[in-house]
């Protein structure tokens, strides 16, 4: 039982570490896609929790940062020919 739990926890840790390495060493397109996936899977609240400086100002309240971030993603989607 404990061996299985250890195996699961180590697998999760290695997977998260690999994702972080891909994010840190990836190009801007890779980072943008990973952030979009994080927002779709976990929601904007979780993203804002882990990245408080997501918006253009670090001292703004979380709601304003969320609105700025959503506007930025909508603008980038329309520039690429995608509609949100």
Protein backbone atom coordinates (compact mmCIF):
# COMPACT_ATOMS: atom_id res chain seq x y z
CA UNK A 1 0.00 0.00 0.00
CA UNK A 2 2.70 2.50 0.98
CA UNK A 3 4.81 1.50 -1.99
CA UNK A 4 1.92 2.33 -4.32
CA UNK A 5 1.34 5.69 -2.61
CA UNK A 6 5.05 6.51 -2.89
CA UNK A 7 5.03 5.59 -6.55
CA UNK A 8 2.00 7.80 -7.25
CA UNK A 9 3.43 10.79 -5.37
CA UNK A 10 6.83 10.51 -7.06
CA UNK A 11 5.12 10.20 -10.46
CA UNK A 12 3.11 13.37 -9.80
CA UNK A 13 6.22 15.22 -8.66
CA UNK A 14 8.25 14.14 -11.70
CA UNK A 15 5.39 15.08 -14.06
CA UNK A 16 5.01 18.54 -12.54
CA UNK A 17 8.77 19.05 -12.67
CA UNK A 18 8.86 18.06 -16.33
CA UNK A 19 6.02 20.47 -17.12
CA UNK A 20 7.86 23.27 -15.32
CA UNK A 21 11.04 22.55 -17.29
CA UNK A 22 9.12 22.65 -20.57
CA UNK A 23 7.50 25.92 -19.50
CA UNK A 24 10.75 27.52 -18.35
CA UNK A 25 12.77 26.52 -21.41
CA UNK A 26 9.99 26.78 -23.98
CA UNK A 27 9.33 29.53 -26.46
CA UNK A 28 6.71 32.20 -25.96
CA UNK A 29 4.16 30.20 -27.95
CA UNK A 30 4.69 27.15 -25.72
CA UNK A 31 4.31 29.27 -22.60
CA UNK A 32 1.14 30.94 -23.92
CA UNK A 33 -0.43 27.59 -24.82
CA UNK A 34 0.45 26.10 -21.43
CA UNK A 35 -1.06 29.10 -19.64
CA UNK A 36 -4.21 28.89 -21.76
CA UNK A 37 -4.49 25.19 -20.90
CA UNK A 38 -4.03 25.97 -17.20
CA UNK A 39 -6.80 28.56 -17.37
CA UNK A 40 -9.16 26.21 -19.23
CA UNK A 41 -8.54 23.30 -16.86
CA UNK A 42 -8.29 25.06 -13.51
CA UNK A 43 -9.93 28.40 -14.10
CA UNK A 44 -8.69 31.94 -13.94
CA UNK A 45 -8.87 32.06 -10.15
CA UNK A 46 -6.26 29.30 -9.79
CA UNK A 47 -4.03 30.98 -12.36
CA UNK A 48 -4.29 34.31 -10.55
CA UNK A 49 -3.47 32.56 -7.28
CA UNK A 50 -0.23 31.07 -8.62
CA UNK A 51 0.71 34.11 -10.70
CA UNK A 52 -0.24 37.30 -8.87
CA UNK A 53 1.69 39.48 -11.32
CA UNK A 54 -0.18 38.18 -14.35
CA UNK A 55 -1.51 41.62 -15.21
CA UNK A 56 0.40 44.75 -16.01
CA UNK A 57 0.43 46.02 -12.42
CA UNK A 58 1.56 44.14 -9.34
CA UNK A 59 -0.35 46.25 -6.80
CA UNK A 60 -3.78 45.98 -8.46
CA UNK A 61 -6.54 43.89 -6.86
CA UNK A 62 -7.04 40.35 -8.14
CA UNK A 63 -10.31 41.19 -9.93
CA UNK A 64 -8.66 43.92 -12.00
CA UNK A 65 -5.77 41.60 -12.85
CA UNK A 66 -8.24 38.93 -13.99
CA UNK A 67 -10.07 41.40 -16.24
CA UNK A 68 -6.79 42.60 -17.74
CA UNK A 69 -5.68 39.02 -18.34
CA UNK A 70 -8.95 38.05 -20.01
CA UNK A 71 -8.75 41.12 -22.27
CA UNK A 72 -5.18 40.23 -23.20
CA UNK A 73 -6.12 36.65 -24.12
CA UNK A 74 -9.14 37.83 -26.11
CA UNK A 75 -6.99 40.29 -28.04
CA UNK A 76 -4.35 37.66 -28.76
CA UNK A 77 -7.06 35.26 -29.95
CA UNK A 78 -8.51 37.79 -32.38
CA UNK A 79 -5.08 38.62 -33.78
CA UNK A 80 -4.48 34.96 -34.57
CA UNK A 81 -7.77 34.74 -36.46
CA UNK A 82 -9.50 32.80 -33.68
CA UNK A 83 -12.73 33.81 -32.07
CA UNK A 84 -13.38 33.32 -28.37
